[in-house]
Amino acid sequence: MTRAVLQIAAWCAAFWLALWLHAQQTRDPRERMRFAWALGVGALLARAGHALFWGEPHNVAEPSAAFSVLFFPLGVLWLTPHAAAFASLPLALAVARLGCIAAGCCRGAAGEPLPLFEVSAWVAVHLALARSDPERIPERFAFAFGGLRLAEAPWRPPVGAVATPELVALAWIAVGAWLRARRLRESVTNGKRFPHASPTPRGAS
């Protein structure tokens, strides 16, 4: 019972931390509300994703059912795919994983402390994104999110389900590639629309 309480407390702390981090980057109340909705939708998708992995759709509505974090950022991708939103997720994901450490869950097949590895990795991703160009944050988050899950694959227990976590991780990497391609395409389009002014003779303006 104590472990479950600690895990729920970590999830709640992660939720409010994400909201606080996002509020530090945007003052638009509508955007803040949209981000809060995105977190809620992400939590629902994470519940549905776990049921998909384990082939247990009837457990989606069970209060004690688990979550699959691989589906959580879909809410942000769908509702508010902006730099401020994605930059607010890594540290919150690290805090959420502290709950897994307290509960003793999400370990590797042989008991490897994967949540501890994820906490360290997400802190590193948070620091890296903080130094990134805002335009590149969404794609870099997607690359890190999928790559981190693939890096854990050798130690994760296999799941016999409709889809596998590795396929979803690859899908996130594909999302990162799509976000990068879209950014580059928009950059080229904006460059054609607003070309740099040519210098005039003798420095006249």
N, C-alpha and C. Protein backbone atom coordinates (compact mmCIF):
# COMPACT_ATOMS: atom_id res chain seq x y z
N MET A 1 0.84 -1.20 0.00
CA MET A 1 0.00 0.00 0.00
C MET A 1 0.87 1.26 0.00
N THR A 2 1.94 1.24 0.83
CA THR A 2 2.84 2.39 0.90
C THR A 2 3.51 2.64 -0.44
N ARG A 3 3.91 1.55 -1.13
CA ARG A 3 4.56 1.70 -2.43
C ARG A 3 3.62 2.33 -3.45
N ALA A 4 2.37 1.90 -3.43
CA ALA A 4 1.39 2.46 -4.36
C ALA A 4 1.18 3.94 -4.09
N VAL A 5 1.14 4.32 -2.83
CA VAL A 5 0.96 5.74 -2.48
C VAL A 5 2.14 6.56 -2.97
N LEU A 6 3.35 6.02 -2.79
CA LEU A 6 4.54 6.74 -3.24
C LEU A 6 4.55 6.90 -4.76
N GLN A 7 4.09 5.88 -5.46
CA GLN A 7 4.06 5.96 -6.92
C GLN A 7 3.05 7.00 -7.38
N ILE A 8 1.88 7.01 -6.78
CA ILE A 8 0.86 8.01 -7.13
C ILE A 8 1.36 9.41 -6.81
N ALA A 9 2.06 9.54 -5.67
CA ALA A 9 2.61 10.84 -5.30
C ALA A 9 3.63 11.32 -6.33
N ALA A 10 4.44 10.39 -6.83
CA ALA A 10 5.43 10.75 -7.86
C ALA A 10 4.74 11.18 -9.14
N TRP A 11 3.68 10.49 -9.53
CA TRP A 11 2.94 10.88 -10.74
C TRP A 11 2.34 12.27 -10.59
N CYS A 12 1.75 12.55 -9.42
CA CYS A 12 1.16 13.87 -9.19
C CYS A 12 2.23 14.95 -9.21
N ALA A 13 3.36 14.66 -8.58
CA ALA A 13 4.47 15.63 -8.58
C ALA A 13 4.96 15.88 -10.00
N ALA A 14 5.03 14.82 -10.80
CA ALA A 14 5.47 14.97 -12.19
C ALA A 14 4.50 15.85 -12.98
N PHE A 15 3.20 15.65 -12.75
CA PHE A 15 2.19 16.44 -13.45
C PHE A 15 2.33 17.93 -13.13
N TRP A 16 2.44 18.26 -11.85
CA TRP A 16 2.53 19.66 -11.46
C TRP A 16 3.87 20.26 -11.84
N LEU A 17 4.93 19.45 -11.83
CA LEU A 17 6.23 19.95 -12.27
C LEU A 17 6.18 20.32 -13.75
N ALA A 18 5.55 19.47 -14.56
CA ALA A 18 5.43 19.76 -15.99
C ALA A 18 4.65 21.06 -16.21
N LEU A 19 3.56 21.24 -15.47
CA LEU A 19 2.78 22.47 -15.59
C LEU A 19 3.61 23.69 -15.19
N TRP A 20 4.39 23.57 -14.12
CA TRP A 20 5.20 24.68 -13.65
C TRP A 20 6.29 25.03 -14.66
N LEU A 21 6.97 24.01 -15.18
CA LEU A 21 8.02 24.25 -16.17
C LEU A 21 7.44 24.92 -17.42
N HIS A 22 6.26 24.47 -17.82
CA HIS A 22 5.62 25.06 -19.00
C HIS A 22 5.24 26.51 -18.74
N ALA A 23 4.76 26.79 -17.53
CA ALA A 23 4.34 28.15 -17.19
C ALA A 23 5.52 29.12 -17.18
N GLN A 24 6.72 28.61 -16.94
CA GLN A 24 7.91 29.46 -16.97
C GLN A 24 8.27 29.89 -18.39
N GLN A 25 7.73 29.20 -19.38
CA GLN A 25 8.11 29.46 -20.76
C GLN A 25 7.03 30.13 -21.59
N THR A 26 5.81 30.16 -21.08
CA THR A 26 4.73 30.80 -21.82
C THR A 26 3.78 31.49 -20.86
N ARG A 27 3.33 32.66 -21.24
CA ARG A 27 2.40 33.42 -20.41
C ARG A 27 0.97 33.36 -20.93
N ASP A 28 0.78 32.69 -22.04
CA ASP A 28 -0.55 32.60 -22.64
C ASP A 28 -1.40 31.61 -21.83
N PRO A 29 -2.46 32.07 -21.14
CA PRO A 29 -3.28 31.15 -20.33
C PRO A 29 -3.96 30.07 -21.16
N ARG A 30 -4.30 30.38 -22.41
CA ARG A 30 -4.94 29.37 -23.26
C ARG A 30 -3.95 28.26 -23.60
N GLU A 31 -2.69 28.64 -23.84
CA GLU A 31 -1.68 27.64 -24.14
C GLU A 31 -1.39 26.79 -22.91
N ARG A 32 -1.42 27.38 -21.73
CA ARG A 32 -1.22 26.62 -20.49
C ARG A 32 -2.35 25.61 -20.29
N MET A 33 -3.57 26.05 -20.55
CA MET A 33 -4.71 25.14 -20.41
C MET A 33 -4.63 24.01 -21.43
N ARG A 34 -4.23 24.34 -22.64
CA ARG A 34 -4.10 23.32 -23.68
C ARG A 34 -3.04 22.29 -23.28
N PHE A 35 -1.97 22.74 -22.67
CA PHE A 35 -0.92 21.82 -22.23
C PHE A 35 -1.42 20.91 -21.11
N ALA A 36 -2.21 21.46 -20.19
CA ALA A 36 -2.78 20.64 -19.13
C ALA A 36 -3.70 19.55 -19.71
N TRP A 37 -4.51 19.95 -20.71
CA TRP A 37 -5.35 18.97 -21.39
C TRP A 37 -4.50 17.91 -22.09
N ALA A 38 -3.40 18.34 -22.67
CA ALA A 38 -2.52 17.40 -23.37
C ALA A 38 -1.95 16.37 -22.41
N LEU A 39 -1.60 16.79 -21.20
CA LEU A 39 -1.10 15.83 -20.20
C LEU A 39 -2.19 14.83 -19.81
N GLY A 40 -3.42 15.33 -19.65
CA GLY A 40 -4.51 14.42 -19.31
C GLY A 40 -4.81 13.42 -20.41
N VAL A 41 -4.83 13.91 -21.65
CA VAL A 41 -5.05 13.01 -22.79
C VAL A 41 -3.91 12.00 -22.89
N GLY A 42 -2.68 12.48 -22.65
CA GLY A 42 -1.54 11.57 -22.68
C GLY A 42 -1.64 10.47 -21.65
N ALA A 43 -2.15 10.80 -20.46
CA ALA A 43 -2.32 9.77 -19.42
C ALA A 43 -3.33 8.72 -19.85
N LEU A 44 -4.43 9.15 -20.49
CA LEU A 44 -5.42 8.20 -20.97
C LEU A 44 -4.84 7.31 -22.07
N LEU A 45 -4.07 7.91 -22.97
CA LEU A 45 -3.45 7.12 -24.04
C LEU A 45 -2.40 6.16 -23.48
N ALA A 46 -1.72 6.57 -22.41
CA ALA A 46 -0.74 5.69 -21.79
C ALA A 46 -1.43 4.46 -21.17
N ARG A 47 -2.61 4.66 -20.59
CA ARG A 47 -3.39 3.54 -20.05
C ARG A 47 -3.82 2.61 -21.18
N ALA A 48 -4.34 3.19 -22.26
CA ALA A 48 -4.77 2.38 -23.40
C ALA A 48 -3.59 1.67 -24.04
N GLY A 49 -2.43 2.33 -24.08
CA GLY A 49 -1.25 1.72 -24.68
C GLY A 49 -0.77 0.50 -23.92
N HIS A 50 -0.85 0.55 -22.61
CA HIS A 50 -0.45 -0.61 -21.81
C HIS A 50 -1.37 -1.78 -22.10
N ALA A 51 -2.66 -1.50 -22.21
CA ALA A 51 -3.62 -2.57 -22.53
C ALA A 51 -3.34 -3.14 -23.91
N LEU A 52 -2.90 -2.28 -24.85
CA LEU A 52 -2.58 -2.75 -26.20
C LEU A 52 -1.37 -3.69 -26.16
N PHE A 53 -0.34 -3.32 -25.41
CA PHE A 53 0.86 -4.14 -25.33
C PHE A 53 0.56 -5.53 -24.77
N TRP A 54 -0.26 -5.57 -23.74
CA TRP A 54 -0.50 -6.84 -23.05
C TRP A 54 -1.78 -7.53 -23.50
N GLY A 55 -2.45 -6.96 -24.52
CA GLY A 55 -3.65 -7.59 -25.04
C GLY A 55 -4.76 -7.70 -24.02
N GLU A 56 -4.92 -6.64 -23.19
CA GLU A 56 -5.94 -6.66 -22.14
C GLU A 56 -6.81 -5.40 -22.22
N PRO A 57 -7.56 -5.23 -23.29
CA PRO A 57 -8.38 -4.01 -23.43
C PRO A 57 -9.41 -3.85 -22.34
N HIS A 58 -9.82 -4.95 -21.72
CA HIS A 58 -10.83 -4.86 -20.67
C HIS A 58 -10.29 -4.21 -19.40
N ASN A 59 -8.95 -4.07 -19.30
CA ASN A 59 -8.36 -3.48 -18.10
C ASN A 59 -8.17 -1.97 -18.20
N VAL A 60 -8.55 -1.38 -19.32
CA VAL A 60 -8.33 0.06 -19.50
C VAL A 60 -9.04 0.86 -18.41
N ALA A 61 -10.24 0.45 -18.05
CA ALA A 61 -11.02 1.20 -17.06
C ALA A 61 -10.72 0.80 -15.62
N GLU A 62 -9.84 -0.16 -15.42
CA GLU A 62 -9.51 -0.59 -14.06
C GLU A 62 -8.65 0.46 -13.37
N PRO A 63 -9.04 0.90 -12.16
CA PRO A 63 -8.24 1.92 -11.45
C PRO A 63 -6.81 1.47 -11.18
N SER A 64 -6.61 0.16 -11.02
CA SER A 64 -5.28 -0.34 -10.68
C SER A 64 -4.44 -0.69 -11.92
N ALA A 65 -4.99 -0.46 -13.11
CA ALA A 65 -4.26 -0.80 -14.33
C ALA A 65 -3.03 0.08 -14.48
N ALA A 66 -2.03 -0.48 -15.16
CA ALA A 66 -0.75 0.24 -15.32
C ALA A 66 -0.79 1.14 -16.55
N PHE A 67 0.30 1.88 -16.72
CA PHE A 67 0.45 2.81 -17.84
C PHE A 67 1.66 2.42 -18.67
N SER A 68 1.65 2.83 -19.93
CA SER A 68 2.83 2.71 -20.78
C SER A 68 3.26 4.11 -21.16
N VAL A 69 4.40 4.54 -20.63
CA VAL A 69 4.85 5.91 -20.85
C VAL A 69 5.13 6.19 -22.33
N LEU A 70 5.30 5.15 -23.13
CA LEU A 70 5.58 5.35 -24.55
C LEU A 70 4.46 6.09 -25.28
N PHE A 71 3.25 6.03 -24.74
CA PHE A 71 2.12 6.69 -25.40
C PHE A 71 1.81 8.05 -24.79
N PHE A 72 2.46 8.36 -23.67
CA PHE A 72 2.12 9.58 -22.94
C PHE A 72 2.33 10.86 -23.75
N PRO A 73 3.47 11.06 -24.44
CA PRO A 73 3.67 12.32 -25.17
C PRO A 73 2.76 12.51 -26.38
N LEU A 74 1.96 11.51 -26.72
CA LEU A 74 1.05 11.67 -27.85
C LEU A 74 0.07 12.81 -27.61
N GLY A 75 -0.30 13.02 -26.34
CA GLY A 75 -1.21 14.13 -26.03
C GLY A 75 -0.60 15.47 -26.40
N VAL A 76 0.69 15.64 -26.09
CA VAL A 76 1.38 16.87 -26.44
C VAL A 76 1.55 16.99 -27.96
N LEU A 77 1.93 15.88 -28.59
CA LEU A 77 2.11 15.89 -30.04
C LEU A 77 0.82 16.26 -30.76
N TRP A 78 -0.29 15.84 -30.21
CA TRP A 78 -1.59 16.06 -30.83
C TRP A 78 -2.12 17.48 -30.56
N LEU A 79 -2.04 17.92 -29.29
CA LEU A 79 -2.72 19.15 -28.90
C LEU A 79 -1.83 20.40 -28.86
N THR A 80 -0.58 20.23 -28.52
CA THR A 80 0.29 21.41 -28.40
C THR A 80 1.73 21.06 -28.72
N PRO A 81 2.02 20.76 -29.99
CA PRO A 81 3.37 20.31 -30.38
C PRO A 81 4.37 21.45 -30.51
N HIS A 82 4.59 22.16 -29.40
CA HIS A 82 5.48 23.31 -29.41
C HIS A 82 6.69 23.05 -28.52
N ALA A 83 7.71 23.87 -28.69
CA ALA A 83 8.95 23.69 -27.96
C ALA A 83 8.73 23.74 -26.45
N ALA A 84 7.94 24.69 -25.97
CA ALA A 84 7.73 24.83 -24.53
C ALA A 84 7.10 23.57 -23.94
N ALA A 85 6.19 22.96 -24.67
CA ALA A 85 5.52 21.75 -24.18
C ALA A 85 6.48 20.58 -24.10
N PHE A 86 7.23 20.34 -25.16
CA PHE A 86 8.16 19.21 -25.17
C PHE A 86 9.30 19.41 -24.18
N ALA A 87 9.75 20.65 -24.02
CA ALA A 87 10.83 20.93 -23.09
C ALA A 87 10.41 20.72 -21.64
N SER A 88 9.12 20.73 -21.38
CA SER A 88 8.61 20.54 -20.01
C SER A 88 8.47 19.08 -19.62
N LEU A 89 8.65 18.16 -20.56
CA LEU A 89 8.39 16.75 -20.28
C LEU A 89 9.56 15.96 -19.67
N PRO A 90 10.81 16.13 -20.11
CA PRO A 90 11.86 15.23 -19.62
C PRO A 90 12.02 15.20 -18.11
N LEU A 91 12.07 16.37 -17.46
CA LEU A 91 12.25 16.39 -16.01
C LEU A 91 11.03 15.79 -15.30
N ALA A 92 9.84 16.02 -15.86
CA ALA A 92 8.64 15.43 -15.29
C ALA A 92 8.66 13.90 -15.43
N LEU A 93 9.14 13.41 -16.56
CA LEU A 93 9.25 11.96 -16.74
C LEU A 93 10.26 11.36 -15.76
N ALA A 94 11.32 12.11 -15.46
CA ALA A 94 12.30 11.64 -14.49
C ALA A 94 11.66 11.50 -13.10
N VAL A 95 10.86 12.48 -12.71
CA VAL A 95 10.18 12.43 -11.41
C VAL A 95 9.18 11.28 -11.37
N ALA A 96 8.47 11.07 -12.47
CA ALA A 96 7.52 9.96 -12.52
C ALA A 96 8.21 8.62 -12.33
N ARG A 97 9.42 8.49 -12.89
CA ARG A 97 10.17 7.24 -12.75
C ARG A 97 10.67 7.03 -11.33
N LEU A 98 10.79 8.09 -10.55
CA LEU A 98 11.13 7.92 -9.14
C LEU A 98 10.05 7.10 -8.43
N GLY A 99 8.80 7.26 -8.88
CA GLY A 99 7.72 6.46 -8.32
C GLY A 99 7.89 4.98 -8.63
N CYS A 100 8.43 4.68 -9.82
CA CYS A 100 8.69 3.29 -10.18
C CYS A 100 9.78 2.70 -9.29
N ILE A 101 10.77 3.51 -8.94
CA ILE A 101 11.82 3.04 -8.04
C ILE A 101 11.22 2.73 -6.68
N ALA A 102 10.35 3.61 -6.19
CA ALA A 102 9.73 3.39 -4.89
C ALA A 102 8.82 2.17 -4.90
N ALA A 103 8.12 1.96 -6.02
CA ALA A 103 7.19 0.83 -6.11
C ALA A 103 7.88 -0.48 -6.47
N GLY A 104 9.12 -0.39 -6.93
CA GLY A 104 9.84 -1.61 -7.33
C GLY A 104 9.36 -2.20 -8.63
N CYS A 105 8.75 -1.38 -9.49
CA CYS A 105 8.23 -1.90 -10.75
C CYS A 105 9.09 -1.43 -11.92
N CYS A 106 8.72 -1.90 -13.12
CA CYS A 106 9.38 -1.48 -14.37
C CYS A 106 10.86 -1.81 -14.41
N ARG A 107 11.27 -2.83 -13.68
CA ARG A 107 12.66 -3.26 -13.71
C ARG A 107 12.90 -4.15 -14.92
N GLY A 108 14.17 -4.45 -15.19
CA GLY A 108 14.51 -5.30 -16.30
C GLY A 108 14.14 -6.75 -16.04
N ALA A 109 14.32 -7.58 -17.05
CA ALA A 109 13.95 -8.99 -16.94
C ALA A 109 14.71 -9.70 -15.82
N ALA A 110 15.93 -9.27 -15.56
CA ALA A 110 16.74 -9.88 -14.50
C ALA A 110 16.84 -8.97 -13.28
N GLY A 111 15.95 -8.03 -13.18
CA GLY A 111 15.93 -7.14 -12.03
C GLY A 111 16.79 -5.91 -12.18
N GLU A 112 17.22 -5.59 -13.40
CA GLU A 112 18.06 -4.40 -13.60
C GLU A 112 17.28 -3.14 -13.22
N PRO A 113 17.93 -2.18 -12.57
CA PRO A 113 17.26 -0.94 -12.13
C PRO A 113 17.05 0.04 -13.29
N LEU A 114 16.24 -0.35 -14.26
CA LEU A 114 16.01 0.50 -15.42
C LEU A 114 15.41 1.87 -15.08
N PRO A 115 14.50 1.95 -14.09
CA PRO A 115 13.98 3.28 -13.75
C PRO A 115 15.07 4.26 -13.32
N LEU A 116 16.08 3.75 -12.61
CA LEU A 116 17.18 4.62 -12.19
C LEU A 116 17.96 5.11 -13.41
N PHE A 117 18.15 4.24 -14.38
CA PHE A 117 18.80 4.64 -15.63
C PHE A 117 17.99 5.70 -16.35
N GLU A 118 16.66 5.52 -16.38
CA GLU A 118 15.80 6.48 -17.07
C GLU A 118 15.81 7.84 -16.38
N VAL A 119 15.81 7.84 -15.05
CA VAL A 119 15.85 9.10 -14.33
C VAL A 119 17.09 9.89 -14.74
N SER A 120 18.24 9.22 -14.73
CA SER A 120 19.49 9.89 -15.10
C SER A 120 19.44 10.37 -16.56
N ALA A 121 18.91 9.52 -17.44
CA ALA A 121 18.86 9.87 -18.86
C ALA A 121 17.93 11.06 -19.10
N TRP A 122 16.79 11.10 -18.42
CA TRP A 122 15.85 12.19 -18.65
C TRP A 122 16.37 13.51 -18.10
N VAL A 123 17.13 13.46 -17.01
CA VAL A 123 17.76 14.69 -16.52
C VAL A 123 18.75 15.20 -17.55
N ALA A 124 19.52 14.29 -18.15
CA ALA A 124 20.48 14.68 -19.20
C ALA A 124 19.76 15.27 -20.41
N VAL A 125 18.62 14.67 -20.80
CA VAL A 125 17.85 15.19 -21.94
C VAL A 125 17.31 16.58 -21.61
N HIS A 126 16.84 16.77 -20.39
CA HIS A 126 16.34 18.09 -19.98
C HIS A 126 17.42 19.15 -20.12
N LEU A 127 18.62 18.84 -19.66
CA LEU A 127 19.72 19.80 -19.74
C LEU A 127 20.11 20.07 -21.20
N ALA A 128 20.06 19.02 -22.03
CA ALA A 128 20.40 19.18 -23.44
C ALA A 128 19.37 20.05 -24.16
N LEU A 129 18.09 19.82 -23.88
CA LEU A 129 17.05 20.61 -24.54
C LEU A 129 17.08 22.07 -24.08
N ALA A 130 17.49 22.28 -22.83
CA ALA A 130 17.56 23.65 -22.32
C ALA A 130 18.57 24.49 -23.11
N ARG A 131 19.55 23.83 -23.73
CA ARG A 131 20.56 24.53 -24.52
C ARG A 131 20.25 24.49 -26.01
N SER A 132 19.15 23.89 -26.39
CA SER A 132 18.85 23.71 -27.81
C SER A 132 18.11 24.92 -28.39
N ASP A 133 18.22 25.04 -29.69
CA ASP A 133 17.40 26.00 -30.41
C ASP A 133 15.94 25.60 -30.24
N PRO A 134 15.07 26.52 -29.79
CA PRO A 134 13.66 26.15 -29.57
C PRO A 134 13.01 25.45 -30.75
N GLU A 135 13.39 25.82 -31.97
CA GLU A 135 12.77 25.20 -33.15
C GLU A 135 13.12 23.72 -33.26
N ARG A 136 14.22 23.30 -32.65
CA ARG A 136 14.66 21.92 -32.75
C ARG A 136 14.25 21.05 -31.57
N ILE A 137 13.67 21.65 -30.55
CA ILE A 137 13.32 20.89 -29.34
C ILE A 137 12.32 19.77 -29.61
N PRO A 138 11.21 19.99 -30.35
CA PRO A 138 10.26 18.89 -30.57
C PRO A 138 10.90 17.67 -31.22
N GLU A 139 11.68 17.87 -32.27
CA GLU A 139 12.28 16.73 -32.96
C GLU A 139 13.33 16.04 -32.08
N ARG A 140 14.10 16.82 -31.33
CA ARG A 140 15.12 16.22 -30.47
C ARG A 140 14.49 15.44 -29.32
N PHE A 141 13.37 15.93 -28.81
CA PHE A 141 12.67 15.15 -27.79
C PHE A 141 12.21 13.82 -28.35
N ALA A 142 11.61 13.84 -29.54
CA ALA A 142 11.11 12.60 -30.15
C ALA A 142 12.25 11.61 -30.39
N PHE A 143 13.39 12.10 -30.89
CA PHE A 143 14.54 11.22 -31.10
C PHE A 143 15.01 10.62 -29.78
N ALA A 144 15.11 11.45 -28.73
CA ALA A 144 15.57 10.97 -27.43
C ALA A 144 14.58 9.99 -26.83
N PHE A 145 13.29 10.28 -26.99
CA PHE A 145 12.25 9.42 -26.40
C PHE A 145 12.29 8.02 -27.00
N GLY A 146 12.33 7.96 -28.33
CA GLY A 146 12.40 6.65 -28.98
C GLY A 146 13.73 5.96 -28.77
N GLY A 147 14.82 6.73 -28.84
CA GLY A 147 16.15 6.13 -28.68
C GLY A 147 16.38 5.57 -27.30
N LEU A 148 15.87 6.26 -26.28
CA LEU A 148 16.04 5.77 -24.91
C LEU A 148 15.34 4.44 -24.71
N ARG A 149 14.14 4.31 -25.26
CA ARG A 149 13.41 3.05 -25.11
C ARG A 149 14.10 1.92 -25.86
N LEU A 150 14.65 2.21 -27.03
CA LEU A 150 15.37 1.18 -27.77
C LEU A 150 16.64 0.76 -27.03
N ALA A 151 17.30 1.71 -26.37
CA ALA A 151 18.51 1.39 -25.63
C ALA A 151 18.22 0.43 -24.47
N GLU A 152 17.01 0.46 -23.95
CA GLU A 152 16.63 -0.42 -22.84
C GLU A 152 16.13 -1.78 -23.31
N ALA A 153 15.85 -1.91 -24.58
CA ALA A 153 15.20 -3.12 -25.10
C ALA A 153 15.89 -4.42 -24.70
N PRO A 154 17.23 -4.52 -24.73
CA PRO A 154 17.85 -5.80 -24.38
C PRO A 154 17.57 -6.26 -22.95
N TRP A 155 17.21 -5.35 -22.07
CA TRP A 155 16.99 -5.71 -20.67
C TRP A 155 15.51 -5.78 -20.31
N ARG A 156 14.66 -5.35 -21.20
CA ARG A 156 13.23 -5.36 -20.93
C ARG A 156 12.64 -6.75 -21.16
N PRO A 157 11.70 -7.18 -20.30
CA PRO A 157 11.04 -8.47 -20.56
C PRO A 157 10.17 -8.37 -21.80
N PRO A 158 10.09 -9.43 -22.60
CA PRO A 158 9.27 -9.38 -23.83
C PRO A 158 7.79 -9.31 -23.50
N VAL A 159 7.05 -8.70 -24.40
CA VAL A 159 5.59 -8.65 -24.25
C VAL A 159 4.97 -9.32 -25.45
N GLY A 160 3.99 -10.17 -25.21
CA GLY A 160 3.28 -10.80 -26.31
C GLY A 160 1.99 -10.07 -26.54
N ALA A 161 2.02 -9.15 -27.50
CA ALA A 161 0.85 -8.30 -27.68
C ALA A 161 0.69 -7.92 -29.14
N VAL A 162 -0.33 -7.09 -29.39
CA VAL A 162 -0.62 -6.64 -30.74
C VAL A 162 0.56 -5.84 -31.29
N ALA A 163 1.14 -4.99 -30.47
CA ALA A 163 2.30 -4.19 -30.85
C ALA A 163 3.37 -4.36 -29.80
N THR A 164 4.60 -4.06 -30.13
CA THR A 164 5.69 -4.17 -29.18
C THR A 164 6.23 -2.78 -28.85
N PRO A 165 6.80 -2.61 -27.67
CA PRO A 165 7.37 -1.30 -27.32
C PRO A 165 8.44 -0.84 -28.31
N GLU A 166 9.19 -1.79 -28.86
CA GLU A 166 10.23 -1.42 -29.81
C GLU A 166 9.65 -0.78 -31.07
N LEU A 167 8.52 -1.29 -31.52
CA LEU A 167 7.87 -0.70 -32.70
C LEU A 167 7.40 0.72 -32.40
N VAL A 168 6.86 0.93 -31.21
CA VAL A 168 6.42 2.27 -30.84
C VAL A 168 7.61 3.21 -30.70
N ALA A 169 8.72 2.69 -30.15
CA ALA A 169 9.93 3.50 -30.04
C ALA A 169 10.44 3.92 -31.42
N LEU A 170 10.42 2.99 -32.36
CA LEU A 170 10.82 3.33 -33.73
C LEU A 170 9.87 4.35 -34.33
N ALA A 171 8.60 4.26 -33.98
CA ALA A 171 7.63 5.23 -34.48
C ALA A 171 7.96 6.63 -33.96
N TRP A 172 8.42 6.71 -32.71
CA TRP A 172 8.80 8.02 -32.16
C TRP A 172 10.02 8.58 -32.89
N ILE A 173 10.96 7.73 -33.24
CA ILE A 173 12.11 8.19 -34.01
C ILE A 173 11.64 8.68 -35.38
N ALA A 174 10.68 7.98 -35.97
CA ALA A 174 10.11 8.43 -37.25
C ALA A 174 9.41 9.78 -37.08
N VAL A 175 8.73 9.97 -35.95
CA VAL A 175 8.10 11.27 -35.67
C VAL A 175 9.17 12.37 -35.61
N GLY A 176 10.30 12.05 -34.96
CA GLY A 176 11.38 13.02 -34.90
C GLY A 176 11.89 13.39 -36.29
N ALA A 177 12.02 12.39 -37.16
CA ALA A 177 12.46 12.65 -38.53
C ALA A 177 11.43 13.50 -39.28
N TRP A 178 10.15 13.21 -39.04
CA TRP A 178 9.08 13.99 -39.69
C TRP A 178 9.08 15.43 -39.21
N LEU A 179 9.26 15.65 -37.90
CA LEU A 179 9.31 17.00 -37.36
C LEU A 179 10.51 17.77 -37.91
N ARG A 180 11.63 17.06 -38.05
CA ARG A 180 12.83 17.71 -38.59
C ARG A 180 12.61 18.10 -40.05
N ALA A 181 12.04 17.17 -40.83
CA ALA A 181 11.78 17.46 -42.25
C ALA A 181 10.81 18.63 -42.39
N ARG A 182 9.80 18.68 -41.55
CA ARG A 182 8.83 19.78 -41.62
C ARG A 182 9.49 21.11 -41.28
N ARG A 183 10.37 21.09 -40.25
CA ARG A 183 11.06 22.33 -39.89
C ARG A 183 11.95 22.83 -41.03
N LEU A 184 12.67 21.91 -41.65
CA LEU A 184 13.55 22.30 -42.75
C LEU A 184 12.75 22.81 -43.95
N ARG A 185 11.62 22.16 -44.21
CA ARG A 185 10.78 22.60 -45.32
C ARG A 185 10.22 24.00 -45.07
N GLU A 186 9.78 24.24 -43.82
CA GLU A 186 9.26 25.57 -43.48
C GLU A 186 10.36 26.62 -43.54
N SER A 187 11.58 26.22 -43.16
CA SER A 187 12.71 27.15 -43.21
C SER A 187 12.99 27.57 -44.65
N VAL A 188 12.95 26.59 -45.56
CA VAL A 188 13.17 26.90 -46.97
C VAL A 188 12.05 27.77 -47.51
N THR A 189 10.82 27.45 -47.14
CA THR A 189 9.68 28.23 -47.61
C THR A 189 9.76 29.67 -47.11
N ASN A 190 10.09 29.85 -45.84
CA ASN A 190 10.20 31.21 -45.29
C ASN A 190 11.35 31.96 -45.93
N GLY A 191 12.43 31.23 -46.26
CA GLY A 191 13.56 31.88 -46.92
C GLY A 191 13.20 32.41 -48.29
N LYS A 192 12.35 31.67 -48.99
CA LYS A 192 11.92 32.11 -50.32
C LYS A 192 10.93 33.27 -50.21
N ARG A 193 10.12 33.22 -49.14
CA ARG A 193 9.09 34.25 -48.99
C ARG A 193 9.69 35.57 -48.51
N PHE A 194 10.71 35.48 -47.63
CA PHE A 194 11.33 36.68 -47.10
C PHE A 194 12.84 36.62 -47.34
N PRO A 195 13.28 36.75 -48.58
CA PRO A 195 14.72 36.70 -48.86
C PRO A 195 15.44 37.88 -48.22
N HIS A 196 16.71 37.65 -47.90
CA HIS A 196 17.50 38.72 -47.31
C HIS A 196 17.67 39.84 -48.33
N ALA A 197 17.54 41.05 -47.85
CA ALA A 197 17.69 42.19 -48.75
C ALA A 197 19.13 42.30 -49.22
N SER A 198 19.29 42.59 -50.51
CA SER A 198 20.64 42.74 -51.06
C SER A 198 21.20 44.08 -50.65
N PRO A 199 22.47 44.14 -50.31
CA PRO A 199 23.05 45.41 -49.93
C PRO A 199 23.00 46.40 -51.08
N THR A 200 22.72 47.64 -50.77
CA THR A 200 22.64 48.66 -51.80
C THR A 200 24.02 49.29 -51.98
N PRO A 201 24.28 49.93 -53.11
CA PRO A 201 25.59 50.53 -53.37
C PRO A 201 25.96 51.54 -52.31
N ARG A 202 27.26 51.54 -51.94
CA ARG A 202 27.83 52.50 -51.01
C ARG A 202 27.14 52.49 -49.66
N GLY A 203 26.54 51.39 -49.30
CA GLY A 203 25.95 51.26 -47.95
C GLY A 203 24.69 52.03 -47.75
N ALA A 204 24.10 52.60 -48.84
CA ALA A 204 22.85 53.33 -48.67
C ALA A 204 21.74 52.38 -48.35
N SER A 205 20.74 52.82 -47.62
CA SER A 205 19.62 51.97 -47.26
C SER A 205 18.33 52.57 -47.77
